[in-house]
N, C-alpha and C. Protein backbone atom coordinates (compact mmCIF):
# COMPACT_ATOMS: atom_id res chain seq x y z
N UNK A 1 75.91 51.94 154.17
CA UNK A 1 76.69 50.84 153.62
C UNK A 1 77.34 50.05 154.70
N UNK A 2 77.32 48.71 154.55
CA UNK A 2 77.76 47.81 155.59
C UNK A 2 79.22 48.11 155.97
N UNK A 3 79.54 48.04 157.33
CA UNK A 3 80.85 48.37 157.75
C UNK A 3 81.91 47.48 157.12
N UNK A 4 81.65 46.25 156.87
CA UNK A 4 82.59 45.31 156.29
C UNK A 4 82.90 45.83 154.89
N UNK A 5 81.94 46.16 154.10
CA UNK A 5 82.15 46.60 152.72
C UNK A 5 83.04 47.92 152.74
N UNK A 6 82.70 48.80 153.70
CA UNK A 6 83.47 50.01 153.89
C UNK A 6 84.93 49.79 154.12
N UNK A 7 85.22 48.76 154.98
CA UNK A 7 86.55 48.41 155.37
C UNK A 7 87.33 47.82 154.16
N UNK A 8 86.60 46.89 153.45
CA UNK A 8 87.20 46.25 152.30
C UNK A 8 87.50 47.36 151.22
N UNK A 9 86.54 48.23 150.96
CA UNK A 9 86.76 49.33 150.04
C UNK A 9 88.00 50.17 150.36
N UNK A 10 88.03 50.59 151.63
CA UNK A 10 89.21 51.43 152.14
C UNK A 10 90.53 50.69 151.93
N UNK A 11 90.56 49.35 152.25
CA UNK A 11 91.85 48.61 152.08
C UNK A 11 92.23 48.51 150.64
N UNK A 12 91.20 48.20 149.76
CA UNK A 12 91.61 48.17 148.36
C UNK A 12 92.13 49.49 147.86
N UNK A 13 91.48 50.60 148.24
CA UNK A 13 91.80 51.95 147.79
C UNK A 13 93.25 52.29 148.28
N UNK A 14 93.42 52.03 149.53
CA UNK A 14 94.76 52.35 150.17
C UNK A 14 95.87 51.56 149.54
N UNK A 15 95.59 50.21 149.25
CA UNK A 15 96.59 49.32 148.71
C UNK A 15 97.07 49.79 147.31
N UNK A 16 96.02 50.24 146.57
CA UNK A 16 96.41 50.80 145.17
C UNK A 16 97.21 52.07 145.31
N UNK A 17 96.76 53.02 146.20
CA UNK A 17 97.51 54.26 146.31
C UNK A 17 98.95 53.91 146.71
N UNK A 18 99.07 52.98 147.62
CA UNK A 18 100.50 52.64 148.01
C UNK A 18 101.33 52.19 146.88
N UNK A 19 100.73 51.39 145.97
CA UNK A 19 101.54 50.96 144.77
C UNK A 19 101.91 52.11 143.89
N UNK A 20 101.27 53.29 143.89
CA UNK A 20 101.56 54.35 142.96
C UNK A 20 102.87 55.06 143.47
N UNK A 21 103.34 54.73 144.60
CA UNK A 21 104.53 55.33 145.18
C UNK A 21 105.80 54.48 144.80
N UNK A 22 105.57 53.27 144.22
CA UNK A 22 106.65 52.51 143.86
C UNK A 22 106.67 52.23 142.32
N UNK A 23 107.29 51.18 141.89
CA UNK A 23 107.43 50.90 140.46
C UNK A 23 106.16 50.37 139.91
N UNK A 24 105.66 50.90 138.75
CA UNK A 24 104.44 50.38 138.24
C UNK A 24 104.53 48.86 137.80
N UNK A 25 103.46 48.14 137.94
CA UNK A 25 103.45 46.72 137.46
C UNK A 25 102.36 46.51 136.45
N UNK A 26 102.44 45.42 135.76
CA UNK A 26 101.65 45.20 134.57
C UNK A 26 100.11 45.12 134.87
N UNK A 27 99.74 44.71 135.99
CA UNK A 27 98.33 44.49 136.20
C UNK A 27 97.76 45.58 137.15
N UNK A 28 98.43 46.67 137.30
CA UNK A 28 98.06 47.82 138.16
C UNK A 28 96.67 48.36 137.74
N UNK A 29 96.40 48.35 136.40
CA UNK A 29 95.11 48.92 135.93
C UNK A 29 93.91 48.18 136.52
N UNK A 30 94.06 46.84 136.78
CA UNK A 30 93.04 46.11 137.41
C UNK A 30 92.84 46.46 138.85
N UNK A 31 93.99 46.52 139.53
CA UNK A 31 94.07 46.89 141.02
C UNK A 31 93.41 48.25 141.15
N UNK A 32 93.64 49.19 140.24
CA UNK A 32 93.11 50.58 140.32
C UNK A 32 91.56 50.55 140.33
N UNK A 33 91.02 49.68 139.52
CA UNK A 33 89.53 49.65 139.35
C UNK A 33 88.84 48.84 140.33
N UNK A 34 89.55 47.95 141.10
CA UNK A 34 88.87 47.04 142.02
C UNK A 34 87.94 47.77 143.06
N UNK A 35 88.34 48.80 143.74
CA UNK A 35 87.50 49.47 144.64
C UNK A 35 86.20 49.98 143.97
N UNK A 36 86.27 50.47 142.78
CA UNK A 36 85.09 50.99 142.02
C UNK A 36 84.18 49.78 141.58
N UNK A 37 84.77 48.72 141.27
CA UNK A 37 83.97 47.51 140.87
C UNK A 37 83.24 46.99 142.10
N UNK A 38 83.86 47.08 143.25
CA UNK A 38 83.21 46.64 144.53
C UNK A 38 81.95 47.59 144.70
N UNK A 39 82.04 48.80 144.47
CA UNK A 39 80.92 49.73 144.66
C UNK A 39 79.80 49.33 143.64
N UNK A 40 80.23 49.00 142.41
CA UNK A 40 79.29 48.55 141.44
C UNK A 40 78.44 47.30 141.95
N UNK A 41 79.12 46.39 142.55
CA UNK A 41 78.54 45.23 143.10
C UNK A 41 77.49 45.59 144.16
N UNK A 42 77.87 46.52 145.02
CA UNK A 42 76.98 46.92 146.13
C UNK A 42 75.71 47.59 145.55
N UNK A 43 75.85 48.43 144.58
CA UNK A 43 74.74 49.10 143.94
C UNK A 43 73.86 48.08 143.15
N UNK A 44 74.49 47.17 142.53
CA UNK A 44 73.73 46.22 141.74
C UNK A 44 72.86 45.34 142.68
N UNK A 45 73.30 45.06 143.81
CA UNK A 45 72.59 44.25 144.84
C UNK A 45 71.50 45.04 145.50
N UNK A 46 71.45 46.38 145.37
CA UNK A 46 70.60 47.24 146.13
C UNK A 46 69.36 47.39 145.29
N UNK A 47 68.33 46.44 145.49
CA UNK A 47 67.07 46.49 144.61
C UNK A 47 66.23 47.60 144.81
N UNK A 48 66.36 48.33 145.98
CA UNK A 48 65.34 49.46 146.21
C UNK A 48 65.79 50.77 145.54
N UNK A 49 66.87 50.74 144.82
CA UNK A 49 67.44 51.92 144.26
C UNK A 49 66.79 52.23 142.94
N UNK A 50 65.96 53.29 142.84
CA UNK A 50 65.28 53.58 141.55
C UNK A 50 66.28 53.99 140.49
N UNK A 51 65.99 53.54 139.29
CA UNK A 51 66.83 53.79 138.10
C UNK A 51 68.29 53.57 138.39
N UNK A 52 68.50 52.43 139.14
CA UNK A 52 69.90 52.13 139.51
C UNK A 52 70.82 51.88 138.41
N UNK A 53 70.30 51.55 137.18
CA UNK A 53 71.11 51.30 136.11
C UNK A 53 71.92 52.53 135.63
N UNK A 54 71.38 53.65 135.92
CA UNK A 54 72.11 54.92 135.60
C UNK A 54 73.26 55.05 136.54
N UNK A 55 73.09 54.91 137.81
CA UNK A 55 74.16 54.91 138.82
C UNK A 55 75.22 53.86 138.55
N UNK A 56 74.67 52.62 138.27
CA UNK A 56 75.65 51.53 137.95
C UNK A 56 76.39 51.75 136.76
N UNK A 57 75.75 52.37 135.73
CA UNK A 57 76.50 52.69 134.53
C UNK A 57 77.52 53.79 134.76
N UNK A 58 77.31 54.72 135.58
CA UNK A 58 78.25 55.72 135.95
C UNK A 58 79.50 55.16 136.68
N UNK A 59 79.18 54.15 137.55
CA UNK A 59 80.29 53.57 138.36
C UNK A 59 81.12 52.71 137.41
N UNK A 60 80.50 51.91 136.48
CA UNK A 60 81.27 51.01 135.60
C UNK A 60 82.06 51.83 134.58
N UNK A 61 81.43 52.85 134.03
CA UNK A 61 82.18 53.73 133.07
C UNK A 61 83.36 54.36 133.80
N UNK A 62 83.25 54.67 135.08
CA UNK A 62 84.36 55.22 135.85
C UNK A 62 85.47 54.26 135.96
N UNK A 63 85.12 52.93 136.21
CA UNK A 63 86.06 51.94 136.39
C UNK A 63 86.74 51.71 135.00
N UNK A 64 86.01 51.77 133.92
CA UNK A 64 86.74 51.73 132.59
C UNK A 64 87.67 52.85 132.40
N UNK A 65 87.23 54.07 132.82
CA UNK A 65 88.17 55.28 132.71
C UNK A 65 89.42 54.96 133.55
N UNK A 66 89.32 54.40 134.69
CA UNK A 66 90.36 54.18 135.55
C UNK A 66 91.36 53.30 134.77
N UNK A 67 90.92 52.22 134.20
CA UNK A 67 91.75 51.24 133.51
C UNK A 67 92.37 51.88 132.22
N UNK A 68 91.62 52.64 131.50
CA UNK A 68 92.16 53.24 130.31
C UNK A 68 93.25 54.27 130.56
N UNK A 69 93.13 55.01 131.63
CA UNK A 69 94.11 56.01 132.03
C UNK A 69 95.43 55.33 132.45
N UNK A 70 95.27 54.13 133.02
CA UNK A 70 96.41 53.37 133.57
C UNK A 70 97.09 52.58 132.54
N UNK A 71 96.46 52.24 131.40
CA UNK A 71 97.03 51.37 130.40
C UNK A 71 98.03 52.14 129.46
N UNK A 72 99.05 51.55 129.12
CA UNK A 72 100.05 52.17 128.21
C UNK A 72 99.65 52.01 126.75
N UNK A 73 98.55 52.67 126.29
CA UNK A 73 98.02 52.51 125.04
C UNK A 73 97.93 53.91 124.37
N UNK A 74 97.77 53.94 123.09
CA UNK A 74 97.70 55.23 122.36
C UNK A 74 96.38 55.95 122.78
N UNK A 75 96.48 57.24 122.98
CA UNK A 75 95.22 58.06 123.28
C UNK A 75 94.62 57.62 124.51
N UNK A 76 95.38 57.00 125.50
CA UNK A 76 94.74 56.56 126.72
C UNK A 76 94.08 57.75 127.53
N UNK A 77 94.70 58.94 127.42
CA UNK A 77 94.20 60.04 128.23
C UNK A 77 92.85 60.47 127.69
N UNK A 78 92.75 60.64 126.38
CA UNK A 78 91.44 61.04 125.69
C UNK A 78 90.37 59.93 125.98
N UNK A 79 90.77 58.66 125.79
CA UNK A 79 89.76 57.59 126.07
C UNK A 79 89.31 57.58 127.46
N UNK A 80 90.29 57.69 128.38
CA UNK A 80 89.87 57.80 129.83
C UNK A 80 88.98 58.98 130.13
N UNK A 81 89.29 60.12 129.51
CA UNK A 81 88.54 61.39 129.69
C UNK A 81 87.15 61.19 129.15
N UNK A 82 86.94 60.47 128.02
CA UNK A 82 85.66 60.20 127.48
C UNK A 82 84.86 59.28 128.34
N UNK A 83 85.46 58.30 128.96
CA UNK A 83 84.80 57.37 129.85
C UNK A 83 84.31 58.10 131.05
N UNK A 84 85.08 58.94 131.66
CA UNK A 84 84.65 59.69 132.86
C UNK A 84 83.59 60.79 132.44
N UNK A 85 83.73 61.32 131.30
CA UNK A 85 82.63 62.23 130.82
C UNK A 85 81.33 61.54 130.73
N UNK A 86 81.31 60.32 130.18
CA UNK A 86 80.12 59.54 130.11
C UNK A 86 79.55 59.20 131.57
N UNK A 87 80.49 58.88 132.47
CA UNK A 87 80.11 58.56 133.83
C UNK A 87 79.40 59.75 134.47
N UNK A 88 79.92 61.05 134.30
CA UNK A 88 79.27 62.20 134.81
C UNK A 88 77.94 62.44 134.25
N UNK A 89 77.79 62.13 132.92
CA UNK A 89 76.50 62.31 132.29
C UNK A 89 75.47 61.34 132.97
N UNK A 90 75.88 60.09 133.21
CA UNK A 90 74.98 59.12 133.79
C UNK A 90 74.68 59.48 135.29
N UNK A 91 75.68 59.98 135.98
CA UNK A 91 75.44 60.42 137.36
C UNK A 91 74.36 61.54 137.41
N UNK A 92 74.59 62.55 136.48
CA UNK A 92 73.72 63.67 136.42
C UNK A 92 72.26 63.27 136.07
N UNK A 93 72.11 62.26 135.22
CA UNK A 93 70.77 61.83 134.84
C UNK A 93 70.11 61.14 136.01
N UNK A 94 71.04 60.36 136.77
CA UNK A 94 70.48 59.70 137.97
C UNK A 94 69.96 60.76 138.99
N UNK A 95 70.81 61.78 139.25
CA UNK A 95 70.45 62.82 140.28
C UNK A 95 69.18 63.59 139.92
N UNK A 96 68.92 63.72 138.54
CA UNK A 96 67.86 64.57 138.04
C UNK A 96 66.41 64.11 138.65
N UNK A 97 66.28 62.83 138.97
CA UNK A 97 65.02 62.37 139.50
C UNK A 97 64.69 62.94 140.89
N UNK A 98 65.69 63.49 141.56
CA UNK A 98 65.47 64.10 142.88
C UNK A 98 65.86 65.64 142.87
N UNK A 99 65.96 66.21 141.69
CA UNK A 99 66.49 67.56 141.58
C UNK A 99 65.49 68.53 142.19
N UNK A 100 66.02 69.50 143.06
CA UNK A 100 65.28 70.57 143.62
C UNK A 100 66.17 71.78 143.46
N UNK A 101 65.89 72.68 142.44
CA UNK A 101 66.70 73.77 142.13
C UNK A 101 66.80 74.74 143.31
N UNK A 102 65.87 74.76 144.20
CA UNK A 102 65.96 75.64 145.35
C UNK A 102 67.18 75.28 146.30
N UNK A 103 67.69 74.15 146.23
CA UNK A 103 68.84 73.71 146.96
C UNK A 103 70.15 74.28 146.48
N UNK A 104 70.15 74.80 145.31
CA UNK A 104 71.35 75.38 144.65
C UNK A 104 71.32 76.85 144.98
N UNK A 105 72.20 77.28 145.92
CA UNK A 105 72.18 78.69 146.33
C UNK A 105 73.04 79.60 145.46
N UNK A 106 72.63 80.86 145.41
CA UNK A 106 73.41 81.82 144.65
C UNK A 106 74.84 81.80 145.02
N UNK A 107 75.17 81.65 146.30
CA UNK A 107 76.55 81.66 146.78
C UNK A 107 77.33 80.48 146.13
N UNK A 108 76.67 79.30 146.06
CA UNK A 108 77.42 78.12 145.38
C UNK A 108 77.63 78.45 143.95
N UNK A 109 76.64 79.07 143.27
CA UNK A 109 76.75 79.32 141.79
C UNK A 109 77.95 80.29 141.62
N UNK A 110 78.05 81.31 142.41
CA UNK A 110 79.11 82.27 142.27
C UNK A 110 80.51 81.63 142.62
N UNK A 111 80.59 80.86 143.60
CA UNK A 111 81.83 80.13 143.99
C UNK A 111 82.26 79.16 142.90
N UNK A 112 81.27 78.32 142.44
CA UNK A 112 81.64 77.31 141.44
C UNK A 112 81.93 77.99 140.11
N UNK A 113 81.24 79.05 139.75
CA UNK A 113 81.52 79.82 138.53
C UNK A 113 82.92 80.42 138.63
N UNK A 114 83.32 80.91 139.78
CA UNK A 114 84.74 81.39 139.93
C UNK A 114 85.73 80.27 139.76
N UNK A 115 85.52 79.15 140.28
CA UNK A 115 86.37 78.00 140.11
C UNK A 115 86.46 77.68 138.67
N UNK A 116 85.35 77.56 137.83
CA UNK A 116 85.39 77.20 136.49
C UNK A 116 86.23 78.23 135.72
N UNK A 117 86.00 79.53 135.94
CA UNK A 117 86.67 80.60 135.28
C UNK A 117 88.17 80.43 135.46
N UNK A 118 88.64 80.19 136.77
CA UNK A 118 90.03 80.02 137.09
C UNK A 118 90.64 78.73 136.38
N UNK A 119 89.95 77.68 136.40
CA UNK A 119 90.48 76.45 135.73
C UNK A 119 90.66 76.63 134.20
N UNK A 120 89.61 77.27 133.62
CA UNK A 120 89.66 77.57 132.20
C UNK A 120 90.83 78.48 131.82
N UNK A 121 91.02 79.53 132.70
CA UNK A 121 92.05 80.51 132.51
C UNK A 121 93.42 79.83 132.54
N UNK A 122 93.62 78.84 133.49
CA UNK A 122 94.84 78.18 133.56
C UNK A 122 95.01 77.00 132.53
N UNK A 123 93.94 76.33 132.25
CA UNK A 123 94.13 75.15 131.46
C UNK A 123 94.04 75.37 129.89
N UNK A 124 93.20 76.18 129.44
CA UNK A 124 93.00 76.39 128.01
C UNK A 124 94.26 76.74 127.29
N UNK A 125 95.11 77.66 127.76
CA UNK A 125 96.34 77.83 127.02
C UNK A 125 97.39 76.72 127.15
N UNK A 126 97.18 75.76 128.15
CA UNK A 126 98.17 74.78 128.39
C UNK A 126 97.91 73.45 127.76
N UNK A 127 96.60 73.21 127.30
CA UNK A 127 96.34 71.87 126.88
C UNK A 127 96.49 71.63 125.39
N UNK A 128 96.79 72.63 124.65
CA UNK A 128 97.04 72.49 123.19
C UNK A 128 95.89 71.90 122.46
N UNK A 129 96.15 70.85 121.74
CA UNK A 129 95.08 70.13 120.87
C UNK A 129 93.94 69.45 121.70
N UNK A 130 94.13 69.40 123.01
CA UNK A 130 93.15 68.78 123.87
C UNK A 130 92.07 69.81 124.36
N UNK A 131 92.15 71.04 123.78
CA UNK A 131 91.29 72.14 124.32
C UNK A 131 89.82 71.76 124.30
N UNK A 132 89.36 71.24 123.13
CA UNK A 132 87.94 70.93 123.00
C UNK A 132 87.52 69.80 124.01
N UNK A 133 88.20 68.62 123.96
CA UNK A 133 87.69 67.58 124.95
C UNK A 133 87.84 68.05 126.41
N UNK A 134 88.84 68.86 126.81
CA UNK A 134 88.98 69.30 128.16
C UNK A 134 87.78 70.30 128.53
N UNK A 135 87.46 71.16 127.63
CA UNK A 135 86.33 72.12 127.92
C UNK A 135 85.02 71.28 128.02
N UNK A 136 84.84 70.33 127.07
CA UNK A 136 83.69 69.53 127.07
C UNK A 136 83.54 68.76 128.43
N UNK A 137 84.71 68.22 128.90
CA UNK A 137 84.75 67.45 130.12
C UNK A 137 84.27 68.34 131.29
N UNK A 138 84.75 69.59 131.32
CA UNK A 138 84.35 70.39 132.47
C UNK A 138 82.93 70.90 132.40
N UNK A 139 82.32 70.85 131.17
CA UNK A 139 80.92 71.08 131.03
C UNK A 139 80.11 69.98 131.62
N UNK A 140 80.47 68.69 131.38
CA UNK A 140 79.69 67.61 131.90
C UNK A 140 79.88 67.39 133.39
N UNK A 141 81.11 67.59 133.87
CA UNK A 141 81.36 67.51 135.32
C UNK A 141 80.57 68.61 136.06
N UNK A 142 80.47 69.76 135.44
CA UNK A 142 79.63 70.82 136.09
C UNK A 142 78.17 70.41 136.14
N UNK A 143 77.67 69.79 135.15
CA UNK A 143 76.29 69.36 135.11
C UNK A 143 76.16 68.29 136.23
N UNK A 144 77.07 67.41 136.41
CA UNK A 144 77.00 66.42 137.41
C UNK A 144 77.02 67.10 138.86
N UNK A 145 77.83 68.10 139.05
CA UNK A 145 77.96 68.80 140.32
C UNK A 145 76.68 69.58 140.60
N UNK A 146 76.08 70.23 139.68
CA UNK A 146 74.91 71.00 139.94
C UNK A 146 73.66 70.14 140.18
N UNK A 147 73.53 69.00 139.55
CA UNK A 147 72.46 68.03 139.85
C UNK A 147 72.67 67.42 141.13
N UNK A 148 73.89 67.10 141.56
CA UNK A 148 74.21 66.59 142.85
C UNK A 148 73.86 67.53 143.98
N UNK A 149 74.32 68.79 143.78
CA UNK A 149 74.06 69.80 144.79
C UNK A 149 72.56 70.06 144.95
N UNK A 150 71.79 69.89 143.81
CA UNK A 150 70.34 70.16 143.89
C UNK A 150 69.52 68.96 144.23
N UNK A 151 70.15 67.78 144.41
CA UNK A 151 69.39 66.53 144.70
C UNK A 151 68.83 66.64 146.14
N UNK A 152 67.57 66.21 146.26
CA UNK A 152 66.91 66.23 147.55
C UNK A 152 67.30 65.00 148.33
N UNK A 153 68.48 65.05 148.96
CA UNK A 153 69.02 63.93 149.61
C UNK A 153 68.98 64.06 151.12
N UNK A 154 68.89 62.95 151.93
CA UNK A 154 68.74 63.05 153.39
C UNK A 154 70.05 63.41 154.09
N UNK A 155 71.21 63.21 153.38
CA UNK A 155 72.50 63.59 153.99
C UNK A 155 73.27 64.32 152.94
N UNK A 156 74.51 64.77 153.33
CA UNK A 156 75.38 65.56 152.42
C UNK A 156 76.34 64.70 151.63
N UNK A 157 76.16 63.42 151.73
CA UNK A 157 77.16 62.49 151.10
C UNK A 157 77.32 62.71 149.61
N UNK A 158 76.14 62.79 148.87
CA UNK A 158 76.15 62.91 147.43
C UNK A 158 76.87 64.28 147.06
N UNK A 159 76.51 65.33 147.71
CA UNK A 159 77.14 66.57 147.50
C UNK A 159 78.74 66.65 147.82
N UNK A 160 79.00 65.97 148.94
CA UNK A 160 80.42 65.87 149.27
C UNK A 160 81.20 65.02 148.19
N UNK A 161 80.65 63.97 147.73
CA UNK A 161 81.22 63.11 146.70
C UNK A 161 81.43 63.87 145.38
N UNK A 162 80.43 64.71 145.00
CA UNK A 162 80.60 65.43 143.77
C UNK A 162 81.71 66.45 143.88
N UNK A 163 81.82 67.08 145.03
CA UNK A 163 82.85 68.13 145.26
C UNK A 163 84.22 67.49 145.36
N UNK A 164 84.31 66.35 145.94
CA UNK A 164 85.59 65.56 145.90
C UNK A 164 86.00 65.16 144.53
N UNK A 165 84.97 64.82 143.75
CA UNK A 165 85.30 64.39 142.38
C UNK A 165 85.92 65.64 141.54
N UNK A 166 85.41 66.74 141.80
CA UNK A 166 85.91 67.97 141.17
C UNK A 166 87.36 68.24 141.69
N UNK A 167 87.48 68.03 142.96
CA UNK A 167 88.90 68.29 143.53
C UNK A 167 89.87 67.30 142.93
N UNK A 168 89.46 66.05 142.81
CA UNK A 168 90.43 65.04 142.21
C UNK A 168 90.71 65.38 140.75
N UNK A 169 89.73 65.66 139.90
CA UNK A 169 89.94 65.99 138.57
C UNK A 169 90.77 67.28 138.42
N UNK A 170 90.59 68.25 139.26
CA UNK A 170 91.34 69.53 139.24
C UNK A 170 92.80 69.25 139.50
N UNK A 171 93.07 68.50 140.52
CA UNK A 171 94.45 68.08 140.87
C UNK A 171 95.09 67.36 139.74
N UNK A 172 94.36 66.46 139.13
CA UNK A 172 94.84 65.71 138.02
C UNK A 172 95.24 66.64 136.81
N UNK A 173 94.28 67.57 136.51
CA UNK A 173 94.58 68.45 135.39
C UNK A 173 95.70 69.40 135.67
N UNK A 174 95.85 69.89 136.90
CA UNK A 174 96.95 70.87 137.20
C UNK A 174 98.24 70.01 137.10
N UNK A 175 98.32 68.85 137.60
CA UNK A 175 99.53 68.00 137.57
C UNK A 175 99.95 67.66 136.04
N UNK A 176 98.93 67.42 135.26
CA UNK A 176 99.23 66.96 133.89
C UNK A 176 99.61 68.12 132.95
N UNK A 177 98.99 69.29 133.24
CA UNK A 177 99.18 70.38 132.22
C UNK A 177 99.84 71.62 132.72
N UNK A 178 99.87 71.85 134.01
CA UNK A 178 100.37 73.13 134.52
C UNK A 178 101.69 72.94 135.32
N UNK A 179 101.65 72.22 136.38
CA UNK A 179 102.84 72.11 137.14
C UNK A 179 102.79 70.73 137.90
N UNK A 180 103.84 69.95 137.92
CA UNK A 180 103.86 68.63 138.61
C UNK A 180 103.69 68.94 140.21
N UNK A 181 102.75 68.13 140.77
CA UNK A 181 102.43 68.20 142.26
C UNK A 181 103.20 67.17 143.00
N UNK A 182 103.72 67.49 144.10
CA UNK A 182 104.33 66.46 144.96
C UNK A 182 103.22 65.48 145.46
N UNK A 183 103.50 64.22 145.40
CA UNK A 183 102.64 63.15 145.97
C UNK A 183 101.29 63.28 145.19
N UNK A 184 101.23 63.64 143.90
CA UNK A 184 100.05 63.84 143.24
C UNK A 184 99.16 62.58 143.16
N UNK A 185 99.73 61.42 143.10
CA UNK A 185 98.93 60.25 142.98
C UNK A 185 98.11 59.93 144.28
N UNK A 186 98.72 60.31 145.42
CA UNK A 186 98.09 60.05 146.69
C UNK A 186 96.85 61.03 146.82
N UNK A 187 97.04 62.30 146.42
CA UNK A 187 95.94 63.24 146.60
C UNK A 187 94.86 63.00 145.47
N UNK A 188 95.27 62.75 144.33
CA UNK A 188 94.37 62.54 143.19
C UNK A 188 93.47 61.27 143.46
N UNK A 189 94.16 60.22 143.68
CA UNK A 189 93.45 58.94 143.94
C UNK A 189 92.71 58.98 145.26
N UNK A 190 93.30 59.63 146.31
CA UNK A 190 92.60 59.61 147.49
C UNK A 190 91.28 60.35 147.53
N UNK A 191 91.29 61.50 146.85
CA UNK A 191 90.00 62.28 146.75
C UNK A 191 89.10 61.57 145.80
N UNK A 192 89.66 60.90 144.73
CA UNK A 192 88.73 60.18 143.74
C UNK A 192 88.02 59.00 144.45
N UNK A 193 88.78 58.18 145.13
CA UNK A 193 88.12 57.03 145.83
C UNK A 193 87.08 57.50 146.87
N UNK A 194 87.51 58.56 147.57
CA UNK A 194 86.51 59.12 148.57
C UNK A 194 85.17 59.66 147.84
N UNK A 195 85.43 60.30 146.67
CA UNK A 195 84.27 60.77 145.93
C UNK A 195 83.34 59.66 145.52
N UNK A 196 83.86 58.66 144.96
CA UNK A 196 83.07 57.55 144.50
C UNK A 196 82.30 56.89 145.66
N UNK A 197 83.04 56.75 146.76
CA UNK A 197 82.38 56.09 147.87
C UNK A 197 81.20 56.96 148.39
N UNK A 198 81.41 58.26 148.56
CA UNK A 198 80.28 59.14 149.15
C UNK A 198 79.18 59.20 148.17
N UNK A 199 79.44 59.22 146.87
CA UNK A 199 78.32 59.29 145.95
C UNK A 199 77.51 57.99 146.05
N UNK A 200 78.16 56.84 146.08
CA UNK A 200 77.40 55.58 146.19
C UNK A 200 76.67 55.48 147.55
N UNK A 201 77.33 55.90 148.63
CA UNK A 201 76.75 55.92 149.97
C UNK A 201 75.50 56.80 150.05
N UNK A 202 75.64 57.98 149.47
CA UNK A 202 74.56 58.90 149.56
C UNK A 202 73.38 58.40 148.70
N UNK A 203 73.61 57.74 147.54
CA UNK A 203 72.52 57.28 146.79
C UNK A 203 71.73 56.09 147.46
N UNK A 204 72.55 55.26 148.21
CA UNK A 204 71.86 54.19 148.97
C UNK A 204 71.03 54.76 150.13
N UNK A 205 71.62 55.80 150.79
CA UNK A 205 70.86 56.46 151.87
C UNK A 205 69.60 57.12 151.27
N UNK A 206 69.63 57.65 150.05
CA UNK A 206 68.58 58.29 149.36
C UNK A 206 67.47 57.23 149.18
N UNK A 207 67.86 56.05 148.69
CA UNK A 207 66.81 54.94 148.48
C UNK A 207 66.14 54.69 149.80
N UNK A 208 66.80 54.56 150.90
CA UNK A 208 66.28 54.17 152.12
C UNK A 208 65.32 55.34 152.62
N UNK A 209 65.68 56.61 152.43
CA UNK A 209 64.88 57.67 152.88
C UNK A 209 63.55 57.77 152.14
N UNK A 210 63.58 57.42 150.82
CA UNK A 210 62.43 57.60 149.99
C UNK A 210 61.59 56.24 149.95
N UNK A 211 62.14 55.14 150.61
CA UNK A 211 61.56 53.84 150.68
C UNK A 211 61.11 53.41 149.23
N UNK A 212 62.13 53.46 148.37
CA UNK A 212 61.88 53.07 146.93
C UNK A 212 61.87 51.55 146.82
N UNK A 213 60.87 50.96 146.11
CA UNK A 213 60.83 49.61 145.85
C UNK A 213 60.79 49.27 144.40
């Protein structure tokens, strides 16, 4: 990804994170989505990326989820959760075209399985009526992670992005349902913006490696 785009993305992300430490303002939901919309523009202009509409759809539905979670509307959490679930489905479908199951090691399966068990053990008793959507969300993000880890990519960017996405969502869930975390917006949004950046970067590198036209 071009250095200028990377700098602009970083500045947009940092500027939004900085606003979370102060008083919320009415248009913050747009500010929140701006870095992700910039990634969507980069992907849209990348003509060599095969089935890029899946990746583009994942990025745009993520931006929708960002805005829905930030808007003071009824059921904003469930609507935002649904948007991000759709984003993970689209990402997983995109990664499937390069899936190589041999890249998913038994060690990773055990470690990720342990993580899922721990999160379900902590969250299921705490989420109340949101039990079904929360479990469904973890199912689809797990599908995204496994397809990302198994994707035959030239660098580790996609895998790093997928794991950072899990870290961001885990921090968000712990803060929302289990215990308030100090500086939670900084850590949640910091890992989230990094996750989206590395996923997009890895996919662009993937296109270059395979010389897709």
